[in-house]
C-alpha atoms as a PDB file:
ATOM      1  CA  MET A   1      -0.874 -20.915 -18.218  1.00  0.00           C
ATOM      2  CA  ARG A   2      -2.987 -18.035 -18.845  1.00  0.00           C
ATOM      3  CA  LYS A   3      -5.992 -16.723 -17.404  1.00  0.00           C
ATOM      4  CA  SER A   4      -8.035 -17.747 -14.442  1.00  0.00           C
ATOM      5  CA  ALA A   5      -8.708 -20.994 -14.792  1.00  0.00           C
ATOM      6  CA  LEU A   6     -12.160 -20.298 -13.360  1.00  0.00           C
ATOM      7  CA  GLN A   7     -12.538 -18.792 -16.462  1.00  0.00           C
ATOM      8  CA  LEU A   8     -15.628 -20.721 -17.726  1.00  0.00           C
ATOM      9  CA  ILE A   9     -17.459 -19.447 -13.966  1.00  0.00           C
ATOM     10  CA  ALA A  10     -16.404 -15.571 -15.429  1.00  0.00           C
ATOM     11  CA  VAL A  11     -17.971 -16.387 -19.004  1.00  0.00           C
ATOM     12  CA  ILE A  12     -21.238 -17.974 -18.026  1.00  0.00           C
ATOM     13  CA  VAL A  13     -21.942 -16.055 -14.694  1.00  0.00           C
ATOM     14  CA  GLY A  14     -23.279 -13.008 -16.715  1.00  0.00           C
ATOM     15  CA  ILE A  15     -26.335 -14.874 -17.463  1.00  0.00           C
ATOM     16  CA  THR A  16     -26.953 -15.554 -14.184  1.00  0.00           C
ATOM     17  CA  CYS A  17     -28.739 -12.521 -13.011  1.00  0.00           C
ATOM     18  CA  LEU A  18     -30.957 -12.475 -15.947  1.00  0.00           C
ATOM     19  CA  ALA A  19     -32.290 -16.773 -15.361  1.00  0.00           C
ATOM     20  CA  LEU A  20     -32.848 -15.665 -11.846  1.00  0.00           C
ATOM     21  CA  ALA A  21     -35.346 -12.846 -12.472  1.00  0.00           C
ATOM     22  CA  HIS A  22     -36.769 -14.927 -15.117  1.00  0.00           C
ATOM     23  CA  GLU A  23     -37.220 -18.324 -13.091  1.00  0.00           C
ATOM     24  CA  PHE A  24     -38.331 -16.471 -10.227  1.00  0.00           C
ATOM     25  CA  LEU A  25     -40.499 -13.910 -11.787  1.00  0.00           C
ATOM     26  CA  ALA A  26     -43.274 -16.534 -13.278  1.00  0.00           C
ATOM     27  CA  ASP A  27     -42.879 -17.852  -9.534  1.00  0.00           C
ATOM     28  CA  HIS A  28     -43.036 -14.137  -7.546  1.00  0.00           C
ATOM     29  CA  GLU A  29     -46.614 -13.657 -10.331  1.00  0.00           C
ATOM     30  CA  THR A  30     -47.894 -16.425  -9.436  1.00  0.00           C
ATOM     31  CA  ARG A  31     -47.886 -16.044  -5.719  1.00  0.00           C
ATOM     32  CA  THR A  32     -48.059 -12.721  -5.318  1.00  0.00           C
ATOM     33  CA  GLU A  33     -49.342 -10.063  -8.463  1.00  0.00           C
ATOM     34  CA  ARG A  34     -51.929 -12.729  -9.576  1.00  0.00           C
ATOM     35  CA  TYR A  35     -53.155 -12.793  -6.126  1.00  0.00           C
ATOM     36  CA  ILE A  36     -53.749 -10.492  -2.888  1.00  0.00           C
ATOM     37  CA  PRO A  37     -53.947 -11.867   0.476  1.00  0.00           C
ATOM     38  CA  PRO A  38     -56.907 -11.040   2.993  1.00  0.00           C
ATOM     39  CA  GLY A  39     -56.045  -8.530   5.506  1.00  0.00           C
ATOM     40  CA  ILE A  40     -53.995  -5.774   2.812  1.00  0.00           C
ATOM     41  CA  GLU A  41     -54.486  -2.598   3.852  1.00  0.00           C
ATOM     42  CA  SER A  42     -53.733  -1.051   0.567  1.00  0.00           C
ATOM     43  CA  PRO A  43     -54.985  -3.324  -2.148  1.00  0.00           C
ATOM     44  CA  GLU A  44     -53.717  -0.661  -4.445  1.00  0.00           C
ATOM     45  CA  ASP A  45     -50.628  -0.054  -3.017  1.00  0.00           C
ATOM     46  CA  TRP A  46     -49.672  -3.923  -3.322  1.00  0.00           C
ATOM     47  CA  LYS A  47     -50.151  -3.856  -7.029  1.00  0.00           C
ATOM     48  CA  LYS A  48     -48.342  -1.003  -7.558  1.00  0.00           C
ATOM     49  CA  ALA A  49     -45.686  -2.745  -5.284  1.00  0.00           C
ATOM     50  CA  ASN A  50     -45.419  -5.478  -7.740  1.00  0.00           C
ATOM     51  CA  HIS A  51     -44.846  -3.373 -11.045  1.00  0.00           C
ATOM     52  CA  PHE A  52     -42.299  -1.490  -9.499  1.00  0.00           C
ATOM     53  CA  GLY A  53     -41.040  -5.095  -8.715  1.00  0.00           C
ATOM     54  CA  ASP A  54     -41.320  -6.277 -11.888  1.00  0.00           C
ATOM     55  CA  LEU A  55     -39.721  -3.374 -13.120  1.00  0.00           C
ATOM     56  CA  GLY A  56     -36.427  -3.630 -10.918  1.00  0.00           C
ATOM     57  CA  ARG A  57     -36.416  -6.978 -12.707  1.00  0.00           C
ATOM     58  CA  LYS A  58     -36.626  -6.398 -16.178  1.00  0.00           C
ATOM     59  CA  ALA A  59     -33.999  -3.668 -15.780  1.00  0.00           C
ATOM     60  CA  ILE A  60     -31.669  -6.113 -13.688  1.00  0.00           C
ATOM     61  CA  ASN A  61     -32.392  -7.704 -17.146  1.00  0.00           C
ATOM     62  CA  GLU A  62     -31.226  -4.966 -19.269  1.00  0.00           C
ATOM     63  CA  GLY A  63     -28.364  -4.708 -17.476  1.00  0.00           C
ATOM     64  CA  ASP A  64     -29.424  -1.034 -15.310  1.00  0.00           C
ATOM     65  CA  ASN A  65     -28.401  -1.849 -11.298  1.00  0.00           C
ATOM     66  CA  LYS A  66     -29.318   1.208 -10.475  1.00  0.00           C
ATOM     67  CA  LEU A  67     -32.484   1.801 -11.817  1.00  0.00           C
ATOM     68  CA  ALA A  68     -33.097  -1.542 -10.593  1.00  0.00           C
ATOM     69  CA  VAL A  69     -32.204  -1.022  -6.995  1.00  0.00           C
ATOM     70  CA  GLN A  70     -34.252   2.662  -7.188  1.00  0.00           C
ATOM     71  CA  HIS A  71     -36.999   0.087  -8.471  1.00  0.00           C
ATOM     72  CA  PHE A  72     -37.062  -2.767  -5.722  1.00  0.00           C
ATOM     73  CA  GLU A  73     -37.057   0.067  -2.671  1.00  0.00           C
ATOM     74  CA  SER A  74     -39.626   1.871  -4.324  1.00  0.00           C
ATOM     75  CA  ALA A  75     -41.777  -1.316  -3.988  1.00  0.00           C
ATOM     76  CA  ILE A  76     -40.295  -2.127  -0.475  1.00  0.00           C
ATOM     77  CA  GLU A  77     -41.320   1.263   0.625  1.00  0.00           C
ATOM     78  CA  LEU A  78     -45.332   0.092  -0.728  1.00  0.00           C
ATOM     79  CA  TYR A  79     -45.005  -3.450   0.404  1.00  0.00           C
ATOM     80  CA  GLY A  80     -43.986  -1.485   3.760  1.00  0.00           C
ATOM     81  CA  SER A  81     -44.667  -4.320   6.722  1.00  0.00           C
ATOM     82  CA  ALA A  82     -48.541  -3.658   7.642  1.00  0.00           C
ATOM     83  CA  SER A  83     -49.169  -7.654   7.943  1.00  0.00           C
ATOM     84  CA  ASN A  84     -47.006 -10.980   7.428  1.00  0.00           C
ATOM     85  CA  ALA A  85     -48.024 -11.817   4.334  1.00  0.00           C
ATOM     86  CA  GLN A  86     -46.466  -7.930   2.743  1.00  0.00           C
ATOM     87  CA  GLN A  87     -43.629  -8.791   4.558  1.00  0.00           C
ATOM     88  CA  ARG A  88     -43.003 -12.301   3.481  1.00  0.00           C
ATOM     89  CA  ALA A  89     -43.765 -10.361  -0.198  1.00  0.00           C
ATOM     90  CA  SER A  90     -41.503  -7.731   0.559  1.00  0.00           C
ATOM     91  CA  ALA A  91     -38.635 -10.294   1.657  1.00  0.00           C
ATOM     92  CA  TYR A  92     -38.409 -10.353  -2.995  1.00  0.00           C
ATOM     93  CA  PRO A  93     -37.389  -7.289  -3.430  1.00  0.00           C
ATOM     94  CA  TYR A  94     -34.557  -6.801  -1.235  1.00  0.00           C
ATOM     95  CA  ALA A  95     -33.264  -9.659  -2.186  1.00  0.00           C
ATOM     96  CA  PHE A  96     -33.426  -8.442  -5.622  1.00  0.00           C
ATOM     97  CA  ARG A  97     -32.169  -5.146  -4.662  1.00  0.00           C
ATOM     98  CA  GLY A  98     -29.066  -7.072  -3.170  1.00  0.00           C
ATOM     99  CA  LEU A  99     -28.333  -8.700  -5.870  1.00  0.00           C
ATOM    100  CA  ALA A 100     -28.270  -5.524  -8.147  1.00  0.00           C
ATOM    101  CA  LEU A 101     -26.237  -3.973  -5.423  1.00  0.00           C
ATOM    102  CA  SER A 102     -24.303  -6.590  -5.357  1.00  0.00           C
ATOM    103  CA  ARG A 103     -23.819  -6.271  -9.537  1.00  0.00           C
ATOM    104  CA  LEU A 104     -22.921  -2.355  -8.593  1.00  0.00           C
ATOM    105  CA  ASP A 105     -20.001  -3.854  -6.339  1.00  0.00           C
ATOM    106  CA  ARG A 106     -21.852  -2.469  -2.568  1.00  0.00           C
ATOM    107  CA  LEU A 107     -21.424  -5.545  -1.051  1.00  0.00           C
ATOM    108  CA  ASP A 108     -21.855  -4.520   2.438  1.00  0.00           C
ATOM    109  CA  GLU A 109     -25.368  -2.641   0.677  1.00  0.00           C
ATOM    110  CA  ALA A 110     -25.935  -6.008  -0.600  1.00  0.00           C
ATOM    111  CA  LEU A 111     -25.601  -8.416   2.032  1.00  0.00           C
ATOM    112  CA  ALA A 112     -27.833  -6.429   4.756  1.00  0.00           C
ATOM    113  CA  SER A 113     -30.839  -6.485   1.765  1.00  0.00           C
ATOM    114  CA  VAL A 114     -30.675  -9.969   1.284  1.00  0.00           C
ATOM    115  CA  ASN A 115     -30.035 -10.774   4.996  1.00  0.00           C
ATOM    116  CA  LYS A 116     -33.177  -8.373   5.967  1.00  0.00           C
ATOM    117  CA  ALA A 117     -35.092 -10.658   2.749  1.00  0.00           C
ATOM    118  CA  ILE A 118     -34.213 -13.731   5.010  1.00  0.00           C
ATOM    119  CA  LYS A 119     -35.251 -12.208   8.115  1.00  0.00           C
ATOM    120  CA  LEU A 120     -38.453 -11.435   6.565  1.00  0.00           C
ATOM    121  CA  TRP A 121     -39.003 -15.093   5.472  1.00  0.00           C
ATOM    122  CA  PRO A 122     -36.771 -17.175   6.086  1.00  0.00           C
ATOM    123  CA  ASP A 123     -38.364 -19.937   3.934  1.00  0.00           C
ATOM    124  CA  GLY A 124     -37.397 -17.571   1.143  1.00  0.00           C
ATOM    125  CA  ALA A 125     -35.679 -19.683  -1.247  1.00  0.00           C
ATOM    126  CA  LEU A 126     -34.287 -16.733  -3.234  1.00  0.00           C
ATOM    127  CA  SER A 127     -32.883 -14.773  -0.290  1.00  0.00           C
ATOM    128  CA  TYR A 128     -30.704 -17.457   0.218  1.00  0.00           C
ATOM    129  CA  TYR A 129     -30.026 -18.026  -3.514  1.00  0.00           C
ATOM    130  CA  ALA A 130     -28.790 -14.017  -3.426  1.00  0.00           C
ATOM    131  CA  ARG A 131     -26.618 -13.999  -0.752  1.00  0.00           C
ATOM    132  CA  GLY A 132     -24.663 -17.203  -2.007  1.00  0.00           C
ATOM    133  CA  ARG A 133     -24.522 -15.430  -4.752  1.00  0.00           C
ATOM    134  CA  ILE A 134     -23.275 -12.545  -2.499  1.00  0.00           C
ATOM    135  CA  TYR A 135     -20.731 -14.837  -0.726  1.00  0.00           C
ATOM    136  CA  ALA A 136     -19.059 -16.124  -4.036  1.00  0.00           C
ATOM    137  CA  GLY A 137     -18.827 -12.597  -5.272  1.00  0.00           C
ATOM    138  CA  GLU A 138     -16.491 -11.854  -2.210  1.00  0.00           C
ATOM    139  CA  GLY A 139     -15.106 -15.414  -2.508  1.00  0.00           C
ATOM    140  CA  ARG A 140     -16.523 -16.820   0.388  1.00  0.00           C
ATOM    141  CA  ASP A 141     -17.434 -20.081  -1.325  1.00  0.00           C
ATOM    142  CA  LYS A 142     -18.000 -22.633   1.703  1.00  0.00           C
ATOM    143  CA  ASP A 143     -20.277 -19.521   3.026  1.00  0.00           C
ATOM    144  CA  ALA A 144     -21.834 -19.473  -0.468  1.00  0.00           C
ATOM    145  CA  VAL A 145     -22.070 -23.305  -0.516  1.00  0.00           C
ATOM    146  CA  ALA A 146     -24.254 -23.511   2.456  1.00  0.00           C
ATOM    147  CA  ASP A 147     -27.242 -20.889   1.177  1.00  0.00           C
ATOM    148  CA  TYR A 148     -26.929 -22.918  -1.659  1.00  0.00           C
ATOM    149  CA  THR A 149     -28.403 -26.208  -0.091  1.00  0.00           C
ATOM    150  CA  GLN A 150     -30.592 -24.100   2.070  1.00  0.00           C
ATOM    151  CA  SER A 151     -31.989 -22.549  -1.059  1.00  0.00           C
ATOM    152  CA  ILE A 152     -32.489 -26.055  -2.727  1.00  0.00           C
ATOM    153  CA  GLU A 153     -33.674 -27.475   0.521  1.00  0.00           C
ATOM    154  CA  LEU A 154     -36.295 -24.758   0.563  1.00  0.00           C
ATOM    155  CA  LEU A 155     -37.198 -25.391  -3.193  1.00  0.00           C
ATOM    156  CA  PRO A 156     -35.792 -27.787  -5.229  1.00  0.00           C
ATOM    157  CA  SER A 157     -36.707 -27.021  -8.632  1.00  0.00           C
ATOM    158  CA  TYR A 158     -34.873 -23.936  -8.567  1.00  0.00           C
ATOM    159  CA  SER A 159     -32.167 -25.387 -11.205  1.00  0.00           C
ATOM    160  CA  TRP A 160     -29.889 -22.414 -11.038  1.00  0.00           C
ATOM    161  CA  ASN A 161     -28.971 -22.992  -7.609  1.00  0.00           C
ATOM    162  CA  TYR A 162     -26.930 -26.717  -8.548  1.00  0.00           C
ATOM    163  CA  ARG A 163     -24.984 -23.892 -11.395  1.00  0.00           C
ATOM    164  CA  SER A 164     -23.744 -22.012  -8.470  1.00  0.00           C
ATOM    165  CA  ARG A 165     -22.996 -24.388  -6.020  1.00  0.00           C
ATOM    166  CA  GLY A 166     -20.954 -26.117  -8.404  1.00  0.00           C
ATOM    167  CA  HIS A 167     -19.020 -23.068  -9.278  1.00  0.00           C
ATOM    168  CA  SER A 168     -18.632 -22.939  -5.558  1.00  0.00           C
ATOM    169  CA  TYR A 169     -17.741 -26.726  -5.172  1.00  0.00           C
ATOM    170  CA  SER A 170     -14.978 -25.565  -8.024  1.00  0.00           C
ATOM    171  CA  LYS A 171     -13.472 -22.510  -6.691  1.00  0.00           C
ATOM    172  CA  LEU A 172     -13.140 -24.963  -3.496  1.00  0.00           C
ATOM    173  CA  GLY A 173     -11.355 -27.654  -5.363  1.00  0.00           C
ATOM    174  CA  ARG A 174     -14.420 -29.996  -5.014  1.00  0.00           C
ATOM    175  CA  TYR A 175     -14.708 -30.872  -8.662  1.00  0.00           C
ATOM    176  CA  ASP A 176     -16.342 -34.268  -7.533  1.00  0.00           C
ATOM    177  CA  LYS A 177     -19.398 -32.624  -5.697  1.00  0.00           C
ATOM    178  CA  ALA A 178     -18.813 -30.027  -8.888  1.00  0.00           C
ATOM    179  CA  LEU A 179     -19.720 -32.533 -11.324  1.00  0.00           C
ATOM    180  CA  ALA A 180     -22.549 -34.021  -9.147  1.00  0.00           C
ATOM    181  CA  ASP A 181     -24.593 -30.489  -9.326  1.00  0.00           C
ATOM    182  CA  TYR A 182     -23.661 -29.894 -13.271  1.00  0.00           C
ATOM    183  CA  LYS A 183     -24.943 -33.452 -14.172  1.00  0.00           C
ATOM    184  CA  ILE A 184     -28.112 -32.273 -12.276  1.00  0.00           C
ATOM    185  CA  PHE A 185     -28.033 -29.067 -13.999  1.00  0.00           C
ATOM    186  CA  ALA A 186     -27.246 -30.599 -17.363  1.00  0.00           C
ATOM    187  CA  GLN A 187     -30.519 -32.869 -17.065  1.00  0.00           C
ATOM    188  CA  ARG A 188     -33.163 -29.878 -16.016  1.00  0.00           C
ATOM    189  CA  PHE A 189     -31.119 -27.915 -19.307  1.00  0.00           C
ATOM    190  CA  PRO A 190     -30.622 -30.572 -21.836  1.00  0.00           C
ATOM    191  CA  THR A 191     -30.564 -28.331 -25.273  1.00  0.00           C
ATOM    192  CA  SER A 192     -28.381 -26.064 -23.699  1.00  0.00           C
ATOM    193  CA  PRO A 193     -24.300 -26.243 -24.823  1.00  0.00           C
ATOM    194  CA  HIS A 194     -23.407 -24.681 -21.017  1.00  0.00           C
ATOM    195  CA  PRO A 195     -24.187 -27.368 -19.118  1.00  0.00           C
ATOM    196  CA  GLN A 196     -21.885 -29.823 -20.417  1.00  0.00           C
ATOM    197  CA  ILE A 197     -18.661 -27.562 -20.780  1.00  0.00           C
ATOM    198  CA  MET A 198     -19.035 -27.019 -16.991  1.00  0.00           C
ATOM    199  CA  MET A 199     -19.009 -31.128 -16.785  1.00  0.00           C
ATOM    200  CA  ALA A 200     -16.141 -31.218 -18.767  1.00  0.00           C
ATOM    201  CA  ARG A 201     -13.939 -28.792 -16.856  1.00  0.00           C
ATOM    202  CA  ALA A 202     -15.167 -30.290 -14.380  1.00  0.00           C
ATOM    203  CA  TYR A 203     -14.179 -34.077 -15.689  1.00  0.00           C
ATOM    204  CA  TRP A 204     -10.385 -32.489 -16.816  1.00  0.00           C
ATOM    205  CA  LYS A 205      -9.880 -31.373 -13.598  1.00  0.00           C
ATOM    206  CA  LEU A 206     -10.440 -34.818 -11.993  1.00  0.00           C
ATOM    207  CA  GLY A 207      -8.028 -36.213 -14.518  1.00  0.00           C
ATOM    208  CA  LYS A 208     -10.796 -37.725 -16.719  1.00  0.00           C
ATOM    209  CA  PHE A 209      -9.658 -36.904 -19.740  1.00  0.00           C
ATOM    210  CA  GLY A 210     -12.057 -38.794 -22.145  1.00  0.00           C
ATOM    211  CA  ASP A 211     -14.872 -37.887 -19.724  1.00  0.00           C
ATOM    212  CA  ALA A 212     -14.361 -34.552 -20.409  1.00  0.00           C
ATOM    213  CA  LYS A 213     -13.423 -35.376 -24.413  1.00  0.00           C
ATOM    214  CA  THR A 214     -17.317 -36.533 -24.674  1.00  0.00           C
ATOM    215  CA  ALA A 215     -18.726 -33.807 -22.999  1.00  0.00           C
ATOM    216  CA  TYR A 216     -16.414 -31.513 -24.846  1.00  0.00           C
ATOM    217  CA  GLY A 217     -18.151 -33.202 -27.692  1.00  0.00           C
ATOM    218  CA  ALA A 218     -21.714 -32.862 -26.597  1.00  0.00           C
ATOM    219  CA  ALA A 219     -21.315 -29.441 -26.035  1.00  0.00           C
ATOM    220  CA  ILE A 220     -20.448 -28.693 -30.002  1.00  0.00           C
ATOM    221  CA  GLU A 221     -23.421 -32.073 -31.116  1.00  0.00           C
ATOM    222  CA  ILE A 222     -26.020 -29.544 -29.094  1.00  0.00           C
ATOM    223  CA  ASP A 223     -25.041 -26.269 -30.464  1.00  0.00           C
ATOM    224  CA  PRO A 224     -21.809 -26.700 -33.508  1.00  0.00           C
ATOM    225  CA  ASP A 225     -22.101 -23.029 -34.033  1.00  0.00           C
ATOM    226  CA  ASN A 226     -21.399 -22.277 -29.806  1.00  0.00           C
ATOM    227  CA  ALA A 227     -17.788 -20.086 -30.086  1.00  0.00           C
ATOM    228  CA  LYS A 228     -17.166 -20.933 -26.032  1.00  0.00           C
ATOM    229  CA  ALA A 229     -17.314 -24.568 -26.746  1.00  0.00           C
ATOM    230  CA  TYR A 230     -14.873 -24.973 -28.905  1.00  0.00           C
ATOM    231  CA  TYR A 231     -12.946 -22.578 -27.328  1.00  0.00           C
ATOM    232  CA  TRP A 232     -13.081 -24.462 -24.482  1.00  0.00           C
ATOM    233  CA  ARG A 233     -12.098 -28.096 -25.671  1.00  0.00           C
ATOM    234  CA  GLY A 234      -9.101 -25.996 -27.545  1.00  0.00           C
ATOM    235  CA  ARG A 235      -7.876 -25.263 -24.155  1.00  0.00           C
ATOM    236  CA  PHE A 236      -7.987 -28.880 -23.223  1.00  0.00           C
ATOM    237  CA  LEU A 237      -6.412 -30.107 -25.798  1.00  0.00           C
ATOM    238  CA  SER A 238      -3.639 -27.809 -25.534  1.00  0.00           C
ATOM    239  CA  GLU A 239      -3.500 -28.799 -21.408  1.00  0.00           C
ATOM    240  CA  LEU A 240      -3.082 -32.348 -23.342  1.00  0.00           C
ATOM    241  CA  LYS A 241      -0.009 -31.249 -25.788  1.00  0.00           C
ATOM    242  CA  ASP A 242      -2.630 -31.918 -28.658  1.00  0.00           C
ATOM    243  CA  TYR A 243      -1.414 -28.688 -30.659  1.00  0.00           C
ATOM    244  CA  HIS A 244      -2.854 -29.423 -33.808  1.00  0.00           C
ATOM    245  CA  GLY A 245      -5.998 -30.919 -32.521  1.00  0.00           C
ATOM    246  CA  ALA A 246      -6.159 -27.508 -29.979  1.00  0.00           C
ATOM    247  CA  ILE A 247      -5.035 -25.218 -33.053  1.00  0.00           C
ATOM    248  CA  ALA A 248      -8.549 -26.487 -35.128  1.00  0.00           C
ATOM    249  CA  ASP A 249     -11.271 -26.212 -31.930  1.00  0.00           C
ATOM    250  CA  PHE A 250      -9.555 -22.246 -32.002  1.00  0.00           C
ATOM    251  CA  ASP A 251      -9.958 -21.542 -35.230  1.00  0.00           C
ATOM    252  CA  LYS A 252     -13.222 -23.134 -35.299  1.00  0.00           C
ATOM    253  CA  ALA A 253     -14.087 -20.105 -31.992  1.00  0.00           C
ATOM    254  CA  ILE A 254     -12.859 -17.526 -34.389  1.00  0.00           C
ATOM    255  CA  GLU A 255     -14.410 -18.586 -37.506  1.00  0.00           C
ATOM    256  CA  ILE A 256     -17.309 -18.587 -35.855  1.00  0.00           C
ATOM    257  CA  ASP A 257     -16.296 -15.273 -33.541  1.00  0.00           C
ATOM    258  CA  PRO A 258     -14.281 -13.185 -35.035  1.00  0.00           C
ATOM    259  CA  LYS A 259     -13.511 -10.757 -32.059  1.00  0.00           C
ATOM    260  CA  TYR A 260     -13.000 -13.344 -29.730  1.00  0.00           C
ATOM    261  CA  SER A 261      -9.522 -12.481 -27.758  1.00  0.00           C
ATOM    262  CA  ALA A 262      -9.486 -15.559 -25.700  1.00  0.00           C
ATOM    263  CA  ALA A 263      -9.114 -17.534 -28.699  1.00  0.00           C
ATOM    264  CA  PHE A 264      -6.718 -15.847 -30.293  1.00  0.00           C
ATOM    265  CA  SER A 265      -4.493 -15.233 -27.698  1.00  0.00           C
ATOM    266  CA  ASN A 266      -4.584 -19.628 -26.591  1.00  0.00           C
ATOM    267  CA  ARG A 267      -3.518 -19.930 -30.344  1.00  0.00           C
ATOM    268  CA  GLY A 268      -1.004 -17.879 -30.173  1.00  0.00           C
ATOM    269  CA  TRP A 269       0.141 -19.769 -27.465  1.00  0.00           C
ATOM    270  CA  VAL A 270      -0.003 -23.419 -28.905  1.00  0.00           C
ATOM    271  CA  TYR A 271       1.471 -21.631 -31.786  1.00  0.00           C
ATOM    272  CA  GLU A 272       4.615 -20.295 -29.309  1.00  0.00           C
ATOM    273  CA  LYS A 273       4.646 -23.851 -28.068  1.00  0.00           C
ATOM    274  CA  GLN A 274       5.624 -24.906 -31.331  1.00  0.00           C
ATOM    275  CA  GLU A 275       8.288 -22.126 -32.108  1.00  0.00           C
ATOM    276  CA  LYS A 276       6.012 -20.734 -34.673  1.00  0.00           C
ATOM    277  CA  ILE A 277       7.298 -17.014 -33.697  1.00  0.00           C
ATOM    278  CA  ALA A 278       5.026 -15.395 -36.807  1.00  0.00           C
ATOM    279  CA  LEU A 279       1.472 -16.673 -35.983  1.00  0.00           C
ATOM    280  CA  ALA A 280       2.065 -16.514 -32.682  1.00  0.00           C
ATOM    281  CA  ARG A 281       3.146 -12.730 -32.701  1.00  0.00           C
ATOM    282  CA  SER A 282       0.205 -12.167 -34.939  1.00  0.00           C
ATOM    283  CA  ASP A 283      -2.824 -13.768 -32.510  1.00  0.00           C
ATOM    284  CA  TYR A 284      -1.118 -11.882 -29.832  1.00  0.00           C
ATOM    285  CA  LYS A 285      -1.492  -8.207 -31.365  1.00  0.00           C
ATOM    286  CA  ARG A 286      -4.842  -9.099 -32.549  1.00  0.00           C
ATOM    287  CA  ALA A 287      -5.754 -10.608 -28.984  1.00  0.00           C
ATOM    288  CA  ILE A 288      -4.197  -7.009 -28.217  1.00  0.00           C
ATOM    289  CA  GLU A 289      -6.576  -5.141 -30.292  1.00  0.00           C
ATOM    290  CA  LEU A 290      -9.094  -7.188 -29.031  1.00  0.00           C
ATOM    291  CA  SER A 291      -8.453  -6.953 -25.378  1.00  0.00           C
ATOM    292  CA  PRO A 292      -6.233  -3.961 -25.360  1.00  0.00           C
ATOM    293  CA  SER A 293      -6.151  -3.987 -20.599  1.00  0.00           C
ATOM    294  CA  ASN A 294      -4.513  -6.913 -20.554  1.00  0.00           C
ATOM    295  CA  ASP A 295      -1.047  -7.375 -18.954  1.00  0.00           C
ATOM    296  CA  TRP A 296      -0.391 -10.999 -19.824  1.00  0.00           C
ATOM    297  CA  LEU A 297      -1.211 -10.314 -23.663  1.00  0.00           C
ATOM    298  CA  LYS A 298       1.503  -7.471 -23.686  1.00  0.00           C
ATOM    299  CA  ASN A 299       3.797 -10.211 -21.427  1.00  0.00           C
ATOM    300  CA  ALA A 300       3.047 -12.687 -24.360  1.00  0.00           C
ATOM    301  CA  ALA A 301       3.692 -10.667 -26.759  1.00  0.00           C
ATOM    302  CA  ALA A 302       6.759  -9.218 -25.885  1.00  0.00           C
ATOM    303  CA  ARG A 303       8.205 -13.039 -25.173  1.00  0.00           C
ATOM    304  CA  VAL A 304       7.664 -13.592 -29.240  1.00  0.00           C
ATOM    305  CA  ARG A 305       9.276  -9.577 -30.774  1.00  0.00           C
END
């Protein structure tokens, strides 16, 4: 109808590397930075390597993936391969470097980096998660599911595996599996609206419209100022031809975020369906101002000239 049905994944996926870095950073600090294993040839290099690893994760959080790659490469060089302990620790910067490289669209290098991490530490959950993210980015969602599952088996407490595996299941059309993962994710983050939005999408695709409406309502109850929750419920209601309800939700999304291009474009689409051409034209025009490279919008605007 409009943008990809998987737009929700793109909306939320921007937080993935940030959350990944924070959660694994805490785990990494506990096991490596605060402890120098016996047999390390150069404790000072070990500390420096951990420092560069921290800088790399900070750069990922800040969106500077080129700098992140440089820091992780410094960490890798300092860790070296003098002992099994160092090999195991150096799996982390290889895995994180792979994530940073994937965000730079250097996918072959990214995959090689995480494969190296897995070779160094076959039981490292992060490495499988990182490779799953890269596979998902390449559209290899079956392979991604396998790696997320392996990561879950190694570290069941890492919540973002369930979210990411749910996304890959969704792209494979296995919405029942996706829903099960999103439910676990929601249990881990009960104060976040995003898992509820994901659950609602899965319910929607499964034809469980009542459950979908309930989940969207739960997301809004958790965060009444979340524009995406209103937007996605508006999308859902427009698919059900509840145009009055859809417009009300798009109105609210725009009230919260006046630069929400997708809310304007989808409200315009609903107005067009209602044959309110002047309103549709106005919304499409505003959406194009906010997203000038969107070809769908240009075609939509041409329909209502």
